[in-house]
Amino acid sequence: MLFIVALLVAIGAFAAAAGVRRQQTKGSGGAAFVMTVVAVVFSAVAIGQWIRVIPAGNVGVVDLFGSVAPRALRAGIHLVNPFARVVNMTIKTLEIKETMDVPSKEGLAMVIEISVLFHLDPEQAPTVYRTVGEEYVPVILEPQFRSVTRGVTASYESKALYTSEREQLAHLITADLQKLVEPRGIMIESTPLRKLTLPDRLAGAIEEKLQAEQESQRMEFVLLKESQEADRKRIEAAGIADFQRIIASGLNDEVLRWKGIEATLEMARSPNAKVVVIGAGKEGMPLILGNN
């Protein structure tokens, strides 16, 4: 519409300027100049309607009297039919935050705070605009997001959201949501869980159960450690017994007598030894007497 108005004004101004010049009356030169300036300005406005600038992080969907172009315009400057409407649609990452009541596998009601990070597929922007419109988020994404979240949490026990299965649940929500909305042109990046609120009694019961499980695991570790220590002591005792048995099997009277003679000789060589008395009888051992 602006293009038509600017074009008509420019044509009228040029015509008026030409008519004033033909009259050649006093003051006609100034009037012609003014008309020319007006014509130039509105001509520039009309020409400007051919030029469209798409901001960074957006694509432009060209709508010409209800006929949507199959390809979106990328960021930058483009020449477009001045009668067409160019709709800018963002392709930046957006976030939706939801706080909703969801069921658990046990049928308990929980309050969950969860986000979804997404962006519009640039290639499918014209299709989204043609089939849904600019407000595609509340029409496509939000209902599916709520439905998928409730469906996934219903297959998990409430305590799972307090454990490592929490991340698995988030990945499952992301995967299920991608299957539903990505064919419609909405790309899901992630669905992080921000907060989970359970009834006080239920939360206390879950915490007590988790503590009991941890204590049970600790006791299993202690028993395993004690069992290993007992095995170590049995092995050590068996080794000592084997050593004593081997030593005992190799001892006899001759060996003991020889060891006694060796010990006597060693003591005799000591500077502290003064008197050596040989014991009586064949079994008698030497007796060393010092100067004390």
Foldseek 3Di string as FASTA:
>chain_A
DLLVVLQVLLVVLQVQLVVLVVVPDPPSVVSSVVSNVSNVVSVVVNQCLQKDAAAPQKWWWKAQPNDTDQATHHGGIGGDDSNIDIDIAGFDKDKDWDWDWAAALVRATKTWIKMWIKGFANNCVSVLCNPPRRPVCVVFPPVLLVVLLRVLRNDHHPLCCVDPCVVVSFVSSQVVSCVRCVVVGMGTDTMDTDDMGHPPVVVVVSVVVVVVVVVVVVVVVVVVVVVVVVVVVVVVVVVVVVVVVVVVVPDDDVVVVVVLVVVVVVVVPDPQFDDWAFADDPPTGIDTDGPD
